[in-house]
Amino acid sequence: MGADTTDAFDAYGIPIIPDPADAASRKRQAIIDAALTEFLAEGYSAASMDAITSRSGVSKATIYKHFGSKERLFLAVIGGVLPKTYADLEPANSTIAEAPDLREALIRLTTDWARILLRTDIMSLRRLVIGEIDRFPQLGQLWYRVSYDMNNGPLVDAVTELNARGALDAPDPALAVQQLVAATLGVPQLVRTFSPEAEIDDAELTRMISSGVDMFLARYAVPGAR
């Protein structure tokens, strides 16, 4: 029943599922969409392959043919979604070092970042990965690398450049970026992770973000420099 699956895994331990063509590709996408909905709603253990079959409109035999097992389906679906979660932030990250007003640029970037992080679908995905991290540690590792590579990484590059110019006094750019992220995004993300119904309005989010950026600049900005 698992004839089309392989035992290949990527660097994070996520199964590599070969892409089918044409009609099979549409079935594959229907399975992925249905499985993501079911896993987010029920978690891994409680998720039902019968429900995924019903949601997708694809036979259970076809699901197993494409993915091999519930475990491989879970890893492939969640592992496939994680790299796309922060894609919208990548262009903004790359312009920080050139911004005419660093404070304004950091507030705008971290506010946009927070709004993505606090989206219902992203928070549900985050809780799912946290809840399954003992069973699937590779997903936690992937989430960390995606977050670092797509968000922290470009910011580290920007802070490194600003430090070289003398605009910031940040001899450890990676630590400085970790502190910026914690000071701006840490509290709202923590609140929404464990209190899904908590409301954080725009005014409160702006207050948190602005205060965190100001604390970062109070520590690292060089007076009079730009």
Protein backbone atom coordinates (compact mmCIF):
# COMPACT_ATOMS: atom_id res chain seq x y z
CA MET A 1 0.00 0.00 0.00
CA GLY A 2 2.99 2.33 0.45
CA ALA A 3 4.55 1.55 -2.92
CA ASP A 4 5.09 5.20 -3.95
CA THR A 5 6.82 6.30 -0.74
CA THR A 6 10.54 6.35 -0.06
CA ASP A 7 12.66 6.25 3.04
CA ALA A 8 14.46 9.50 2.17
CA PHE A 9 14.54 12.30 4.75
CA ASP A 10 15.85 15.85 4.59
CA ALA A 11 18.40 17.40 6.97
CA TYR A 12 15.70 17.94 9.60
CA GLY A 13 14.30 14.40 9.46
CA ILE A 14 11.23 15.38 7.44
CA PRO A 15 10.19 12.70 4.90
CA ILE A 16 10.92 13.61 1.29
CA ILE A 17 7.77 12.77 -0.67
CA PRO A 18 8.32 12.83 -4.45
CA ASP A 19 6.01 15.22 -6.30
CA PRO A 20 3.37 13.50 -8.45
CA ALA A 21 2.11 14.92 -11.72
CA ASP A 22 -1.23 16.10 -13.09
CA ALA A 23 -4.30 14.51 -11.45
CA ALA A 24 -2.18 12.86 -8.77
CA SER A 25 -0.85 16.30 -7.82
CA ARG A 26 -4.38 17.59 -7.23
CA LYS A 27 -5.11 14.60 -5.02
CA ARG A 28 -1.88 15.19 -3.13
CA GLN A 29 -2.83 18.81 -2.45
CA ALA A 30 -6.32 17.79 -1.32
CA ILE A 31 -4.75 15.33 1.14
CA ILE A 32 -2.32 17.96 2.45
CA ASP A 33 -5.06 20.56 2.94
CA ALA A 34 -7.34 18.07 4.70
CA ALA A 35 -4.55 16.69 6.88
CA LEU A 36 -3.41 20.17 7.95
CA THR A 37 -6.94 21.09 8.97
CA GLU A 38 -7.37 17.86 10.92
CA PHE A 39 -3.96 17.98 12.64
CA LEU A 40 -4.40 21.61 13.68
CA ALA A 41 -7.87 20.89 15.05
CA GLU A 42 -7.14 17.60 16.82
CA GLY A 43 -3.38 17.25 17.30
CA TYR A 44 -1.45 14.23 16.09
CA SER A 45 -2.81 11.53 18.39
CA ALA A 46 -6.49 12.41 18.09
CA ALA A 47 -6.38 13.15 14.37
CA SER A 48 -8.32 10.58 12.39
CA MET A 49 -7.22 9.17 9.07
CA ASP A 50 -10.92 8.54 8.39
CA ALA A 51 -11.59 12.26 8.89
CA ILE A 52 -8.70 13.18 6.59
CA THR A 53 -10.10 10.77 4.01
CA SER A 54 -13.53 12.37 4.32
CA ARG A 55 -12.21 15.94 4.19
CA SER A 56 -9.98 15.29 1.19
CA GLY A 57 -12.37 13.24 -0.89
CA VAL A 58 -9.47 10.88 -1.58
CA SER A 59 -9.53 7.20 -0.65
CA LYS A 60 -7.56 6.02 2.36
CA ALA A 61 -5.63 3.67 0.10
CA THR A 62 -4.52 6.64 -2.02
CA ILE A 63 -3.46 8.58 1.08
CA TYR A 64 -1.30 5.68 2.23
CA LYS A 65 0.03 5.26 -1.30
CA HIS A 66 1.23 8.87 -1.33
CA PHE A 67 2.47 9.18 2.27
CA GLY A 68 2.92 5.69 3.65
CA SER A 69 1.70 6.24 7.22
CA LYS A 70 0.01 8.75 9.51
CA GLU A 71 3.39 9.67 11.01
CA ARG A 72 4.93 10.39 7.60
CA LEU A 73 1.84 12.34 6.60
CA PHE A 74 2.09 14.48 9.74
CA LEU A 75 5.79 15.18 9.29
CA ALA A 76 5.46 15.90 5.58
CA VAL A 77 2.47 18.23 5.99
CA ILE A 78 3.68 20.20 9.02
CA GLY A 79 7.28 20.17 7.80
CA GLY A 80 6.09 21.52 4.47
CA VAL A 81 4.11 24.37 6.03
CA LEU A 82 6.74 25.66 8.48
CA PRO A 83 9.15 27.16 5.92
CA LYS A 84 6.32 29.29 4.50
CA THR A 85 5.17 30.85 7.77
CA TYR A 86 7.43 33.92 7.73
CA ALA A 87 7.97 34.37 4.00
CA ASP A 88 6.27 37.80 3.97
CA LEU A 89 8.94 39.26 6.27
CA GLU A 90 12.00 38.45 4.21
CA PRO A 91 12.05 41.62 2.04
CA ALA A 92 11.53 43.95 5.02
CA ASN A 93 14.35 42.30 6.96
CA SER A 94 16.84 42.99 4.21
CA THR A 95 16.29 46.79 4.22
CA ILE A 96 16.91 47.55 7.91
CA ALA A 97 20.56 48.55 7.49
CA GLU A 98 19.59 51.10 4.81
CA ALA A 99 16.60 52.62 6.62
CA PRO A 100 16.82 56.42 7.11
CA ASP A 101 15.20 56.08 10.57
CA LEU A 102 16.34 52.92 12.34
CA ARG A 103 13.86 53.21 15.21
CA GLU A 104 10.91 53.60 12.85
CA ALA A 105 12.15 50.74 10.66
CA LEU A 106 12.61 48.38 13.62
CA ILE A 107 9.18 49.23 15.01
CA ARG A 108 7.57 48.64 11.62
CA LEU A 109 9.42 45.36 11.06
CA THR A 110 8.76 43.89 14.51
CA THR A 111 5.12 45.02 14.43
CA ASP A 112 4.61 43.30 11.07
CA TRP A 113 6.42 40.26 12.44
CA ALA A 114 4.22 40.22 15.56
CA ARG A 115 1.05 40.42 13.48
CA ILE A 116 2.16 37.36 11.53
CA LEU A 117 3.16 35.47 14.67
CA LEU A 118 -0.16 36.26 16.35
CA ARG A 119 -2.32 35.08 13.46
CA THR A 120 -4.67 32.30 14.49
CA ASP A 121 -3.25 29.82 11.98
CA ILE A 122 0.37 30.48 13.00
CA MET A 123 -0.44 30.26 16.71
CA SER A 124 -2.31 26.98 16.15
CA LEU A 125 0.69 25.62 14.27
CA ARG A 126 3.04 26.77 17.03
CA ARG A 127 0.96 25.05 19.73
CA LEU A 128 0.78 21.89 17.66
CA VAL A 129 4.57 21.72 17.26
CA ILE A 130 5.12 22.47 20.96
CA GLY A 131 2.61 19.80 21.93
CA GLU A 132 4.28 17.17 19.74
CA ILE A 133 7.91 18.15 20.26
CA ASP A 134 8.75 15.09 22.36
CA ARG A 135 7.36 12.77 19.69
CA PHE A 136 8.64 14.80 16.70
CA PRO A 137 11.70 16.81 17.83
CA GLN A 138 12.67 17.34 14.20
CA LEU A 139 9.72 19.72 13.79
CA GLY A 140 10.95 21.83 16.70
CA GLN A 141 14.41 21.94 15.17
CA LEU A 142 12.95 22.90 11.80
CA TRP A 143 10.80 25.66 13.33
CA TYR A 144 13.87 27.09 15.10
CA ARG A 145 15.98 27.06 11.95
CA VAL A 146 13.23 28.55 9.78
CA SER A 147 12.63 31.30 12.32
CA TYR A 148 16.32 32.02 12.67
CA ASP A 149 17.25 31.79 9.01
CA MET A 150 14.31 33.84 7.69
CA ASN A 151 14.03 36.40 10.51
CA ASN A 152 16.92 36.54 12.94
CA GLY A 153 19.53 35.77 10.28
CA PRO A 154 18.88 38.83 8.07
CA LEU A 155 18.59 41.01 11.18
CA VAL A 156 21.94 39.72 12.41
CA ASP A 157 23.42 40.71 9.05
CA ALA A 158 21.89 44.19 9.35
CA VAL A 159 23.09 44.68 12.92
CA THR A 160 26.56 43.47 11.89
CA GLU A 161 26.65 46.11 9.14
CA LEU A 162 25.35 48.86 11.45
CA ASN A 163 27.94 47.89 14.04
CA ALA A 164 30.71 48.08 11.41
CA ARG A 165 29.51 51.57 10.42
CA GLY A 166 29.50 52.73 14.03
CA ALA A 167 25.73 53.32 14.10
CA LEU A 168 25.35 50.58 16.71
CA ASP A 169 27.76 49.36 19.36
CA ALA A 170 26.81 45.69 19.11
CA PRO A 171 29.94 43.50 19.14
CA ASP A 172 27.75 40.37 19.42
CA PRO A 173 25.06 40.95 16.74
CA ALA A 174 23.40 37.56 17.25
CA LEU A 175 22.87 38.24 20.96
CA ALA A 176 21.63 41.77 20.21
CA VAL A 177 19.02 40.43 17.79
CA GLN A 178 17.89 37.77 20.27
CA GLN A 179 17.40 40.52 22.84
CA LEU A 180 15.47 42.67 20.36
CA VAL A 181 13.17 39.77 19.48
CA ALA A 182 12.59 38.94 23.15
CA ALA A 183 11.89 42.57 24.05
CA THR A 184 9.41 43.16 21.23
CA LEU A 185 7.78 39.86 20.29
CA GLY A 186 8.32 37.74 23.37
CA VAL A 187 5.44 38.89 25.58
CA PRO A 188 2.58 39.00 23.01
CA GLN A 189 3.67 35.65 21.58
CA LEU A 190 3.85 34.05 25.02
CA VAL A 191 0.42 35.42 25.98
CA ARG A 192 -1.27 34.15 22.82
CA THR A 193 0.51 30.78 22.93
CA PHE A 194 -1.03 29.85 26.26
CA SER A 195 -4.14 32.05 26.19
CA PRO A 196 -5.54 31.66 22.66
CA GLU A 197 -8.52 33.90 23.37
CA ALA A 198 -6.45 36.77 24.77
CA GLU A 199 -6.97 40.00 22.85
CA ILE A 200 -4.00 42.26 22.16
CA ASP A 201 -5.26 45.37 20.38
CA ASP A 202 -3.16 47.52 18.05
CA ALA A 203 -2.55 50.19 20.66
CA GLU A 204 -1.21 47.69 23.19
CA LEU A 205 0.88 45.93 20.56
CA THR A 206 2.36 49.25 19.44
CA ARG A 207 3.16 50.15 23.05
CA MET A 208 4.92 46.82 23.64
CA ILE A 209 6.86 46.93 20.39
CA SER A 210 7.92 50.58 20.69
CA SER A 211 9.08 50.10 24.26
CA GLY A 212 11.12 47.04 23.29
CA VAL A 213 12.78 48.84 20.36
CA ASP A 214 13.57 51.83 22.58
CA MET A 215 15.18 49.52 25.14
CA PHE A 216 17.24 47.88 22.38
CA LEU A 217 18.42 51.24 21.03
CA ALA A 218 19.15 52.58 24.52
CA ARG A 219 21.58 49.70 24.91
CA TYR A 220 23.11 49.57 21.43
CA ALA A 221 22.62 52.84 19.52
CA VAL A 222 25.62 55.16 19.30
CA PRO A 223 24.50 58.72 20.15
CA GLY A 224 24.62 61.02 17.14
CA ALA A 225 25.53 58.23 14.73
CA ARG A 226 23.55 56.96 11.77
